[in-house]
Amino acid sequence: MPDHVHLLVEGTSAASDLRRTVVSWKQKTGYEHRSKTGSALWQGGFYDHILREEEDRPEVVKYLIENPIRAGLVSAVNEYPFWGSGICSRAELIETLFDQPDIHPEGNR
């Protein structure tokens, strides 16, 4: 997305700290961006949503992946180059999330 980012992050221990992780990530990426462009990358703060056990994680991932289609940036999920996972390949995610007959990740809905 040209003006924001969606991340799905999972803490791996009781000591995991989302706020500290986001602040650190924004500092590092913001510094790199400012050193190359001279302009700020991030606004202050962030919005978070904690997934509850009853929420369907695959549906949330699918929602995030389809966001550029809803925004009109692309017509198919594999056309948008700025999404991925540190756990699964793009092909694995598409195969897993879009295997229902009524879902068409190529945009022909």
C-alpha atoms as a PDB file:
ATOM      1  CA  MET A   1       0.000   0.000   0.000  1.00  0.00           C
ATOM      2  CA  PRO A   2       1.445   3.389  -0.852  1.00  0.00           C
ATOM      3  CA  ASP A   3       0.619   5.088   2.450  1.00  0.00           C
ATOM      4  CA  HIS A   4       0.553   2.368   5.118  1.00  0.00           C
ATOM      5  CA  VAL A   5       1.669  -1.132   5.992  1.00  0.00           C
ATOM      6  CA  HIS A   6      -0.126  -4.156   7.417  1.00  0.00           C
ATOM      7  CA  LEU A   7       1.850  -6.655   9.461  1.00  0.00           C
ATOM      8  CA  LEU A   8       0.775  -9.860  11.124  1.00  0.00           C
ATOM      9  CA  VAL A   9       3.226 -10.446  13.956  1.00  0.00           C
ATOM     10  CA  GLU A  10       3.238 -13.237  16.516  1.00  0.00           C
ATOM     11  CA  GLY A  11       5.080 -13.037  19.815  1.00  0.00           C
ATOM     12  CA  THR A  12       7.235 -16.076  20.472  1.00  0.00           C
ATOM     13  CA  SER A  13       7.639 -15.725  24.240  1.00  0.00           C
ATOM     14  CA  ALA A  14       5.960 -14.190  27.257  1.00  0.00           C
ATOM     15  CA  ALA A  15       8.551 -11.405  27.073  1.00  0.00           C
ATOM     16  CA  SER A  16       7.545 -10.409  23.511  1.00  0.00           C
ATOM     17  CA  ASP A  17       6.779  -6.688  23.310  1.00  0.00           C
ATOM     18  CA  LEU A  18       4.877  -5.482  20.235  1.00  0.00           C
ATOM     19  CA  ARG A  19       5.293  -1.789  21.020  1.00  0.00           C
ATOM     20  CA  ARG A  20       9.079  -2.110  21.419  1.00  0.00           C
ATOM     21  CA  THR A  21       9.300  -4.203  18.233  1.00  0.00           C
ATOM     22  CA  VAL A  22       7.306  -1.707  16.152  1.00  0.00           C
ATOM     23  CA  VAL A  23       9.202   1.295  17.522  1.00  0.00           C
ATOM     24  CA  SER A  24      12.535  -0.384  16.757  1.00  0.00           C
ATOM     25  CA  TRP A  25      11.448  -1.410  13.241  1.00  0.00           C
ATOM     26  CA  LYS A  26      10.139   2.082  12.467  1.00  0.00           C
ATOM     27  CA  GLN A  27      13.353   3.665  13.772  1.00  0.00           C
ATOM     28  CA  LYS A  28      15.565   1.437  11.624  1.00  0.00           C
ATOM     29  CA  THR A  29      13.528   1.695   8.431  1.00  0.00           C
ATOM     30  CA  GLY A  30      12.859   5.401   8.994  1.00  0.00           C
ATOM     31  CA  TYR A  31      16.569   6.114   9.423  1.00  0.00           C
ATOM     32  CA  GLU A  32      17.431   4.263   6.207  1.00  0.00           C
ATOM     33  CA  HIS A  33      14.686   6.070   4.295  1.00  0.00           C
ATOM     34  CA  ARG A  34      15.671   9.515   5.631  1.00  0.00           C
ATOM     35  CA  SER A  35      19.362   8.916   4.817  1.00  0.00           C
ATOM     36  CA  LYS A  36      18.438   8.080   1.210  1.00  0.00           C
ATOM     37  CA  THR A  37      15.645  10.587   0.575  1.00  0.00           C
ATOM     38  CA  GLY A  38      15.935  13.304   3.217  1.00  0.00           C
ATOM     39  CA  SER A  39      12.275  12.849   4.144  1.00  0.00           C
ATOM     40  CA  ALA A  40      10.408  11.134   6.946  1.00  0.00           C
ATOM     41  CA  LEU A  41       8.833   7.748   6.297  1.00  0.00           C
ATOM     42  CA  TRP A  42       6.562   7.155   9.285  1.00  0.00           C
ATOM     43  CA  GLN A  43       4.001   9.073  11.267  1.00  0.00           C
ATOM     44  CA  GLY A  44       4.080   8.740  15.033  1.00  0.00           C
ATOM     45  CA  GLY A  45       2.224   5.849  16.642  1.00  0.00           C
ATOM     46  CA  PHE A  46       0.490   2.858  15.126  1.00  0.00           C
ATOM     47  CA  TYR A  47      -2.784   0.987  15.282  1.00  0.00           C
ATOM     48  CA  ASP A  48      -2.794  -2.579  16.505  1.00  0.00           C
ATOM     49  CA  HIS A  49      -5.409  -5.291  16.680  1.00  0.00           C
ATOM     50  CA  ILE A  50      -4.827  -8.392  18.764  1.00  0.00           C
ATOM     51  CA  LEU A  51      -6.201 -11.543  17.161  1.00  0.00           C
ATOM     52  CA  ARG A  52      -8.307 -13.519  19.562  1.00  0.00           C
ATOM     53  CA  GLU A  53      -8.499 -17.297  19.501  1.00  0.00           C
ATOM     54  CA  GLU A  54     -11.906 -17.184  17.838  1.00  0.00           C
ATOM     55  CA  GLU A  55     -10.632 -15.082  14.944  1.00  0.00           C
ATOM     56  CA  ASP A  56      -9.667 -16.971  11.817  1.00  0.00           C
ATOM     57  CA  ARG A  57      -5.989 -16.272  11.088  1.00  0.00           C
ATOM     58  CA  PRO A  58      -6.137 -17.503   7.456  1.00  0.00           C
ATOM     59  CA  GLU A  59      -9.032 -15.095   6.801  1.00  0.00           C
ATOM     60  CA  VAL A  60      -7.009 -12.221   8.266  1.00  0.00           C
ATOM     61  CA  VAL A  61      -3.993 -13.128   6.108  1.00  0.00           C
ATOM     62  CA  LYS A  62      -6.227 -13.361   3.030  1.00  0.00           C
ATOM     63  CA  TYR A  63      -7.715  -9.944   3.856  1.00  0.00           C
ATOM     64  CA  LEU A  64      -4.231  -8.421   4.103  1.00  0.00           C
ATOM     65  CA  ILE A  65      -3.057 -10.015   0.846  1.00  0.00           C
ATOM     66  CA  GLU A  66      -6.183  -8.837  -1.015  1.00  0.00           C
ATOM     67  CA  ASN A  67      -5.909  -5.258   0.283  1.00  0.00           C
ATOM     68  CA  PRO A  68      -4.048  -3.953  -2.823  1.00  0.00           C
ATOM     69  CA  ILE A  69      -6.854  -5.362  -5.025  1.00  0.00           C
ATOM     70  CA  ARG A  70      -9.504  -3.567  -2.957  1.00  0.00           C
ATOM     71  CA  ALA A  71      -7.420  -0.375  -3.204  1.00  0.00           C
ATOM     72  CA  GLY A  72      -7.348  -0.692  -7.004  1.00  0.00           C
ATOM     73  CA  LEU A  73      -3.562  -0.984  -7.186  1.00  0.00           C
ATOM     74  CA  VAL A  74      -3.581  -4.394  -8.895  1.00  0.00           C
ATOM     75  CA  SER A  75      -6.133  -6.838 -10.254  1.00  0.00           C
ATOM     76  CA  ALA A  76      -4.491 -10.022  -8.904  1.00  0.00           C
ATOM     77  CA  VAL A  77      -2.697 -10.822  -5.660  1.00  0.00           C
ATOM     78  CA  ASN A  78       0.478 -11.989  -7.375  1.00  0.00           C
ATOM     79  CA  GLU A  79       0.795  -8.655  -9.218  1.00  0.00           C
ATOM     80  CA  TYR A  80       1.552  -6.789  -5.981  1.00  0.00           C
ATOM     81  CA  PRO A  81       5.266  -7.191  -5.177  1.00  0.00           C
ATOM     82  CA  PHE A  82       5.242  -5.922  -1.579  1.00  0.00           C
ATOM     83  CA  TRP A  83       3.706  -8.786   0.358  1.00  0.00           C
ATOM     84  CA  GLY A  84       5.212 -11.935   1.727  1.00  0.00           C
ATOM     85  CA  SER A  85       5.851 -14.091   4.724  1.00  0.00           C
ATOM     86  CA  GLY A  86       8.822 -15.154   6.751  1.00  0.00           C
ATOM     87  CA  ILE A  87       7.159 -18.552   7.151  1.00  0.00           C
ATOM     88  CA  CYS A  88       5.593 -19.515   3.792  1.00  0.00           C
ATOM     89  CA  SER A  89       6.376 -18.749   0.173  1.00  0.00           C
ATOM     90  CA  ARG A  90       3.952 -16.593  -1.812  1.00  0.00           C
ATOM     91  CA  ALA A  91       2.969 -19.661  -3.855  1.00  0.00           C
ATOM     92  CA  GLU A  92       2.226 -21.651  -0.682  1.00  0.00           C
ATOM     93  CA  LEU A  93       0.077 -18.861   0.726  1.00  0.00           C
ATOM     94  CA  ILE A  94      -1.889 -18.467  -2.503  1.00  0.00           C
ATOM     95  CA  GLU A  95      -2.429 -22.221  -2.764  1.00  0.00           C
ATOM     96  CA  THR A  96      -3.482 -22.520   0.881  1.00  0.00           C
ATOM     97  CA  LEU A  97      -5.679 -19.438   1.150  1.00  0.00           C
ATOM     98  CA  PHE A  98      -7.330 -19.387  -2.240  1.00  0.00           C
ATOM     99  CA  ASP A  99      -8.168 -23.036  -2.830  1.00  0.00           C
ATOM    100  CA  GLN A 100     -11.917 -22.522  -2.371  1.00  0.00           C
ATOM    101  CA  PRO A 101     -13.866 -22.542  -5.671  1.00  0.00           C
ATOM    102  CA  ASP A 102     -15.407 -19.103  -5.023  1.00  0.00           C
ATOM    103  CA  ILE A 103     -12.059 -17.375  -4.426  1.00  0.00           C
ATOM    104  CA  HIS A 104     -10.050 -16.216  -7.431  1.00  0.00           C
ATOM    105  CA  PRO A 105      -6.718 -14.637  -6.483  1.00  0.00           C
ATOM    106  CA  GLU A 106      -6.130 -13.713 -10.101  1.00  0.00           C
ATOM    107  CA  GLY A 107      -8.823 -11.067  -9.854  1.00  0.00           C
ATOM    108  CA  ASN A 108     -11.551 -12.607 -12.095  1.00  0.00           C
ATOM    109  CA  ARG A 109     -14.352 -12.472  -9.566  1.00  0.00           C
END
